[in-house]
């Protein structure tokens, strides 16, 4: 399963979910990918900062770690890593192990998609 992060206009996720429900009713297979949408590229980049993306990438590659161990691995301050992990958990991109002692990325891959379009004046 992969996580797909994208910029989507307001309401488009509802449209995608409705289409998936119709496909299920029709007996079609629906991929189990996780979708996370932001209304603008500005909001996406505010929530998924370069530090958070780097943390997500390192955690994906390294496997489950305690927050302390992760902070040590990437050479960042514990409290900053803790708050970044909390934000990534909030967005569903990081999860805790069953015992709650470690965090990990529950996806085989994470993709970020967005298109910059020209604004007409």
N, C-alpha and C. Protein backbone atom coordinates (compact mmCIF):
# COMPACT_ATOMS: atom_id res chain seq x y z
N UNK A 1 0.85 -1.17 0.00
CA UNK A 1 0.00 0.00 0.00
C UNK A 1 0.89 1.23 0.00
N UNK A 2 0.46 2.26 -0.73
CA UNK A 2 1.24 3.48 -0.77
C UNK A 2 0.39 4.66 -0.30
N UNK A 3 1.08 5.70 0.13
CA UNK A 3 0.43 6.95 0.50
C UNK A 3 0.59 7.91 -0.67
N UNK A 4 -0.50 8.53 -1.05
CA UNK A 4 -0.47 9.51 -2.14
C UNK A 4 -0.93 10.85 -1.56
N UNK A 5 -0.03 11.81 -1.61
CA UNK A 5 -0.30 13.14 -1.08
C UNK A 5 -0.44 14.06 -2.28
N UNK A 6 -1.51 14.86 -2.29
CA UNK A 6 -1.75 15.68 -3.47
C UNK A 6 -2.47 16.97 -3.12
N UNK A 7 -2.47 17.87 -4.08
CA UNK A 7 -3.25 19.09 -3.99
C UNK A 7 -4.53 18.83 -4.77
N UNK A 8 -5.67 19.00 -4.10
CA UNK A 8 -6.96 18.78 -4.73
C UNK A 8 -7.92 19.88 -4.32
N UNK A 9 -8.67 20.40 -5.27
CA UNK A 9 -9.66 21.42 -4.92
C UNK A 9 -10.65 20.89 -3.88
N UNK A 10 -11.18 21.79 -3.10
CA UNK A 10 -12.16 21.42 -2.07
C UNK A 10 -13.29 20.60 -2.68
N UNK A 11 -13.61 19.48 -2.03
CA UNK A 11 -14.69 18.63 -2.49
C UNK A 11 -14.27 17.51 -3.42
N UNK A 12 -13.06 17.57 -3.98
CA UNK A 12 -12.66 16.54 -4.94
C UNK A 12 -12.41 15.19 -4.25
N UNK A 13 -11.99 15.19 -2.98
CA UNK A 13 -11.81 13.93 -2.26
C UNK A 13 -13.16 13.25 -2.08
N UNK A 14 -14.22 14.03 -1.83
CA UNK A 14 -15.55 13.46 -1.70
C UNK A 14 -15.94 12.79 -3.01
N UNK A 15 -15.64 13.43 -4.13
CA UNK A 15 -15.95 12.87 -5.44
C UNK A 15 -15.20 11.55 -5.64
N UNK A 16 -13.92 11.51 -5.25
CA UNK A 16 -13.12 10.29 -5.38
C UNK A 16 -13.70 9.17 -4.51
N UNK A 17 -14.10 9.51 -3.27
CA UNK A 17 -14.67 8.50 -2.38
C UNK A 17 -16.00 7.97 -2.93
N UNK A 18 -16.81 8.84 -3.48
CA UNK A 18 -18.09 8.43 -4.06
C UNK A 18 -17.85 7.50 -5.25
N UNK A 19 -16.86 7.81 -6.09
CA UNK A 19 -16.52 6.96 -7.23
C UNK A 19 -16.04 5.59 -6.74
N UNK A 20 -15.22 5.56 -5.67
CA UNK A 20 -14.74 4.29 -5.11
C UNK A 20 -15.92 3.46 -4.59
N UNK A 21 -16.86 4.10 -3.94
CA UNK A 21 -18.03 3.39 -3.42
C UNK A 21 -18.84 2.80 -4.58
N UNK A 22 -18.99 3.54 -5.66
CA UNK A 22 -19.72 3.03 -6.84
C UNK A 22 -18.99 1.84 -7.45
N UNK A 23 -17.65 1.91 -7.49
CA UNK A 23 -16.87 0.80 -8.02
C UNK A 23 -17.07 -0.45 -7.17
N UNK A 24 -17.11 -0.27 -5.85
CA UNK A 24 -17.36 -1.41 -4.95
C UNK A 24 -18.72 -2.02 -5.20
N UNK A 25 -19.73 -1.15 -5.37
CA UNK A 25 -21.08 -1.63 -5.65
C UNK A 25 -21.13 -2.39 -6.97
N UNK A 26 -20.30 -1.99 -7.93
CA UNK A 26 -20.27 -2.64 -9.24
C UNK A 26 -19.38 -3.88 -9.24
N UNK A 27 -18.77 -4.19 -8.10
CA UNK A 27 -17.93 -5.37 -7.99
C UNK A 27 -16.51 -5.19 -8.47
N UNK A 28 -16.10 -3.95 -8.71
CA UNK A 28 -14.73 -3.67 -9.16
C UNK A 28 -13.79 -3.60 -7.97
N UNK A 29 -12.55 -3.99 -8.19
CA UNK A 29 -11.53 -3.92 -7.14
C UNK A 29 -11.04 -2.48 -7.01
N UNK A 30 -10.92 -2.02 -5.77
CA UNK A 30 -10.43 -0.67 -5.51
C UNK A 30 -9.12 -0.79 -4.74
N UNK A 31 -8.09 -0.09 -5.23
CA UNK A 31 -6.78 -0.13 -4.57
C UNK A 31 -6.89 0.42 -3.17
N UNK A 32 -6.09 -0.14 -2.26
CA UNK A 32 -6.12 0.26 -0.87
C UNK A 32 -5.14 1.35 -0.53
N UNK A 33 -4.83 2.23 -1.46
CA UNK A 33 -3.89 3.31 -1.20
C UNK A 33 -4.50 4.33 -0.25
N UNK A 34 -3.62 4.99 0.50
CA UNK A 34 -4.01 6.05 1.41
C UNK A 34 -3.87 7.37 0.67
N UNK A 35 -4.92 8.18 0.67
CA UNK A 35 -4.89 9.48 0.00
C UNK A 35 -4.99 10.59 1.02
N UNK A 36 -4.11 11.57 0.89
CA UNK A 36 -4.11 12.76 1.73
C UNK A 36 -4.10 13.96 0.81
N UNK A 37 -5.10 14.82 0.94
CA UNK A 37 -5.21 15.97 0.03
C UNK A 37 -5.17 17.28 0.79
N UNK A 38 -4.53 18.25 0.18
CA UNK A 38 -4.49 19.62 0.69
C UNK A 38 -5.11 20.51 -0.37
N UNK A 39 -5.73 21.61 0.07
CA UNK A 39 -6.43 22.49 -0.87
C UNK A 39 -5.51 23.34 -1.72
N UNK A 40 -4.25 23.48 -1.30
CA UNK A 40 -3.30 24.27 -2.09
C UNK A 40 -1.89 23.75 -1.87
N UNK A 41 -1.01 24.06 -2.83
CA UNK A 41 0.39 23.68 -2.66
C UNK A 41 1.00 24.42 -1.48
N UNK A 42 0.56 25.63 -1.23
CA UNK A 42 1.05 26.42 -0.09
C UNK A 42 0.74 25.70 1.23
N UNK A 43 -0.47 25.18 1.37
CA UNK A 43 -0.85 24.45 2.58
C UNK A 43 -0.10 23.13 2.68
N UNK A 44 0.05 22.43 1.57
CA UNK A 44 0.80 21.17 1.57
C UNK A 44 2.22 21.41 2.07
N UNK A 45 2.88 22.43 1.53
CA UNK A 45 4.26 22.70 1.91
C UNK A 45 4.39 23.29 3.32
N UNK A 46 3.34 23.90 3.83
CA UNK A 46 3.36 24.39 5.21
C UNK A 46 3.24 23.22 6.19
N UNK A 47 2.45 22.23 5.84
CA UNK A 47 2.24 21.07 6.71
C UNK A 47 3.34 20.04 6.56
N UNK A 48 3.80 19.83 5.34
CA UNK A 48 4.85 18.85 5.08
C UNK A 48 6.13 19.60 4.70
N UNK A 49 6.77 20.16 5.70
CA UNK A 49 7.99 20.94 5.51
C UNK A 49 9.11 20.03 5.01
N UNK A 50 10.18 20.62 4.54
CA UNK A 50 11.31 19.82 4.08
C UNK A 50 11.86 18.96 5.21
N UNK A 51 11.86 19.49 6.44
CA UNK A 51 12.34 18.71 7.59
C UNK A 51 11.43 17.51 7.84
N UNK A 52 10.13 17.69 7.72
CA UNK A 52 9.19 16.58 7.93
C UNK A 52 9.28 15.55 6.82
N UNK A 53 9.47 16.00 5.60
CA UNK A 53 9.62 15.06 4.49
C UNK A 53 10.92 14.27 4.65
N UNK A 54 11.99 14.93 5.04
CA UNK A 54 13.27 14.24 5.26
C UNK A 54 13.14 13.24 6.40
N UNK A 55 12.43 13.61 7.45
CA UNK A 55 12.20 12.70 8.58
C UNK A 55 11.39 11.49 8.13
N UNK A 56 10.35 11.74 7.36
CA UNK A 56 9.51 10.67 6.83
C UNK A 56 10.33 9.72 5.96
N UNK A 57 11.17 10.27 5.13
CA UNK A 57 12.01 9.45 4.25
C UNK A 57 13.00 8.61 5.07
N UNK A 58 13.64 9.23 6.05
CA UNK A 58 14.60 8.51 6.88
C UNK A 58 13.92 7.40 7.68
N UNK A 59 12.76 7.71 8.23
CA UNK A 59 12.01 6.71 9.00
C UNK A 59 11.53 5.58 8.11
N UNK A 60 11.12 5.90 6.90
CA UNK A 60 10.68 4.87 5.94
C UNK A 60 11.83 3.91 5.62
N UNK A 61 13.02 4.47 5.45
CA UNK A 61 14.19 3.66 5.11
C UNK A 61 14.74 2.89 6.31
N UNK A 62 14.71 3.49 7.49
CA UNK A 62 15.34 2.90 8.68
C UNK A 62 14.45 1.91 9.41
N UNK A 63 13.14 2.01 9.22
CA UNK A 63 12.22 1.14 9.96
C UNK A 63 11.89 1.73 11.32
N UNK A 64 11.11 0.99 12.12
CA UNK A 64 10.64 1.51 13.41
C UNK A 64 11.77 2.00 14.31
N UNK A 65 11.54 3.16 14.91
CA UNK A 65 12.50 3.78 15.84
C UNK A 65 11.73 4.49 16.94
N UNK A 66 12.37 4.62 18.08
CA UNK A 66 11.83 5.52 19.11
C UNK A 66 12.07 6.94 18.59
N UNK A 67 11.34 7.89 19.14
CA UNK A 67 11.55 9.27 18.71
C UNK A 67 12.96 9.71 19.10
N UNK A 68 13.41 9.31 20.27
CA UNK A 68 14.78 9.64 20.69
C UNK A 68 15.80 9.06 19.71
N UNK A 69 15.63 7.79 19.35
CA UNK A 69 16.54 7.13 18.42
C UNK A 69 16.50 7.78 17.05
N UNK A 70 15.31 8.19 16.62
CA UNK A 70 15.16 8.86 15.33
C UNK A 70 15.87 10.22 15.35
N UNK A 71 15.69 10.96 16.42
CA UNK A 71 16.35 12.27 16.55
C UNK A 71 17.86 12.11 16.49
N UNK A 72 18.36 11.10 17.17
CA UNK A 72 19.80 10.83 17.17
C UNK A 72 20.28 10.42 15.78
N UNK A 73 19.48 9.57 15.10
CA UNK A 73 19.83 9.09 13.77
C UNK A 73 19.96 10.23 12.76
N UNK A 74 19.04 11.19 12.82
CA UNK A 74 19.04 12.27 11.83
C UNK A 74 19.75 13.53 12.32
N UNK A 75 20.21 13.50 13.58
CA UNK A 75 20.97 14.64 14.10
C UNK A 75 20.16 15.89 14.34
N UNK A 76 18.92 15.71 14.83
CA UNK A 76 18.06 16.85 15.11
C UNK A 76 17.67 16.85 16.58
N UNK A 77 17.22 18.00 17.05
CA UNK A 77 16.75 18.18 18.41
C UNK A 77 15.53 17.29 18.68
N UNK A 78 15.53 16.62 19.84
CA UNK A 78 14.45 15.70 20.19
C UNK A 78 13.07 16.37 20.14
N UNK A 79 12.94 17.56 20.74
CA UNK A 79 11.62 18.19 20.80
C UNK A 79 11.10 18.57 19.42
N UNK A 80 12.00 18.96 18.51
CA UNK A 80 11.57 19.27 17.14
C UNK A 80 11.13 18.00 16.41
N UNK A 81 11.88 16.93 16.59
CA UNK A 81 11.50 15.65 15.97
C UNK A 81 10.19 15.17 16.55
N UNK A 82 10.02 15.31 17.86
CA UNK A 82 8.77 14.90 18.51
C UNK A 82 7.57 15.64 17.92
N UNK A 83 7.68 16.97 17.76
CA UNK A 83 6.55 17.72 17.21
C UNK A 83 6.32 17.39 15.73
N UNK A 84 7.40 17.15 14.98
CA UNK A 84 7.24 16.76 13.57
C UNK A 84 6.58 15.39 13.45
N UNK A 85 6.99 14.45 14.29
CA UNK A 85 6.37 13.11 14.28
C UNK A 85 4.89 13.22 14.65
N UNK A 86 4.57 14.05 15.64
CA UNK A 86 3.16 14.24 16.02
C UNK A 86 2.34 14.76 14.84
N UNK A 87 2.89 15.68 14.08
CA UNK A 87 2.18 16.23 12.91
C UNK A 87 2.03 15.15 11.83
N UNK A 88 3.06 14.34 11.62
CA UNK A 88 2.97 13.26 10.63
C UNK A 88 1.98 12.18 11.06
N UNK A 89 1.89 11.92 12.36
CA UNK A 89 0.88 10.99 12.87
C UNK A 89 -0.51 11.57 12.63
N UNK A 90 -0.67 12.86 12.91
CA UNK A 90 -1.95 13.54 12.70
C UNK A 90 -2.43 13.40 11.26
N UNK A 91 -1.50 13.45 10.33
CA UNK A 91 -1.84 13.32 8.91
C UNK A 91 -1.91 11.87 8.43
N UNK A 92 -1.66 10.92 9.32
CA UNK A 92 -1.77 9.51 8.97
C UNK A 92 -0.57 8.94 8.23
N UNK A 93 0.53 9.66 8.21
CA UNK A 93 1.71 9.22 7.47
C UNK A 93 2.68 8.43 8.32
N UNK A 94 2.55 8.51 9.62
CA UNK A 94 3.37 7.78 10.57
C UNK A 94 2.43 7.15 11.59
N UNK A 95 2.80 5.97 12.08
CA UNK A 95 2.00 5.27 13.08
C UNK A 95 2.91 4.81 14.22
N UNK A 96 2.31 4.49 15.34
CA UNK A 96 3.04 3.94 16.47
C UNK A 96 2.94 2.42 16.44
N UNK A 97 3.98 1.76 16.94
CA UNK A 97 3.93 0.30 17.08
C UNK A 97 2.89 -0.03 18.13
N UNK A 98 2.48 -1.29 18.20
CA UNK A 98 1.44 -1.71 19.14
C UNK A 98 1.76 -1.36 20.59
N UNK A 99 3.04 -1.43 20.96
CA UNK A 99 3.41 -1.09 22.33
C UNK A 99 3.58 0.42 22.54
N UNK A 100 3.49 1.21 21.46
CA UNK A 100 3.58 2.65 21.54
C UNK A 100 4.97 3.21 21.73
N UNK A 101 5.97 2.35 21.72
CA UNK A 101 7.33 2.80 22.01
C UNK A 101 8.09 3.28 20.78
N UNK A 102 7.65 2.87 19.61
CA UNK A 102 8.34 3.25 18.38
C UNK A 102 7.34 3.78 17.37
N UNK A 103 7.88 4.49 16.39
CA UNK A 103 7.06 5.00 15.29
C UNK A 103 7.62 4.43 13.98
N UNK A 104 6.76 4.37 12.97
CA UNK A 104 7.16 3.83 11.68
C UNK A 104 6.25 4.38 10.58
N UNK A 105 6.67 4.22 9.34
CA UNK A 105 5.86 4.60 8.19
C UNK A 105 5.14 3.34 7.72
N UNK A 106 3.80 3.33 7.78
CA UNK A 106 3.06 2.11 7.46
C UNK A 106 2.79 1.90 5.96
N UNK A 107 3.61 2.49 5.11
CA UNK A 107 3.39 2.41 3.67
C UNK A 107 4.64 1.90 2.97
N UNK A 108 4.43 1.20 1.85
CA UNK A 108 5.55 0.74 1.03
C UNK A 108 6.25 1.91 0.36
N UNK A 109 5.46 2.93 0.00
CA UNK A 109 6.03 4.13 -0.62
C UNK A 109 5.11 5.32 -0.31
N UNK A 110 5.69 6.49 -0.44
CA UNK A 110 4.94 7.75 -0.24
C UNK A 110 5.21 8.62 -1.46
N UNK A 111 4.13 9.07 -2.09
CA UNK A 111 4.25 9.91 -3.29
C UNK A 111 3.60 11.26 -3.01
N UNK A 112 4.23 12.32 -3.49
CA UNK A 112 3.67 13.66 -3.37
C UNK A 112 3.45 14.19 -4.78
N UNK A 113 2.20 14.56 -5.07
CA UNK A 113 1.83 15.05 -6.40
C UNK A 113 1.24 16.44 -6.28
N UNK A 114 1.74 17.39 -7.04
CA UNK A 114 1.03 18.64 -7.20
C UNK A 114 1.49 19.34 -8.45
N UNK A 115 0.58 20.09 -9.03
CA UNK A 115 0.84 20.78 -10.28
C UNK A 115 0.78 22.28 -10.04
N UNK A 116 1.78 22.98 -10.50
CA UNK A 116 1.76 24.44 -10.43
C UNK A 116 1.14 24.94 -11.72
N UNK A 117 0.10 25.73 -11.59
CA UNK A 117 -0.56 26.24 -12.79
C UNK A 117 -0.48 27.76 -12.80
N UNK A 118 -0.55 28.31 -13.99
CA UNK A 118 -0.49 29.75 -14.14
C UNK A 118 -1.79 30.37 -13.66
N UNK A 119 -1.65 31.51 -13.02
CA UNK A 119 -2.82 32.26 -12.56
C UNK A 119 -3.09 33.34 -13.60
N UNK A 120 -4.32 33.40 -14.09
CA UNK A 120 -4.65 34.41 -15.08
C UNK A 120 -4.99 35.73 -14.39
N UNK A 121 -4.50 36.81 -14.94
CA UNK A 121 -4.70 38.14 -14.34
C UNK A 121 -5.74 38.89 -15.10
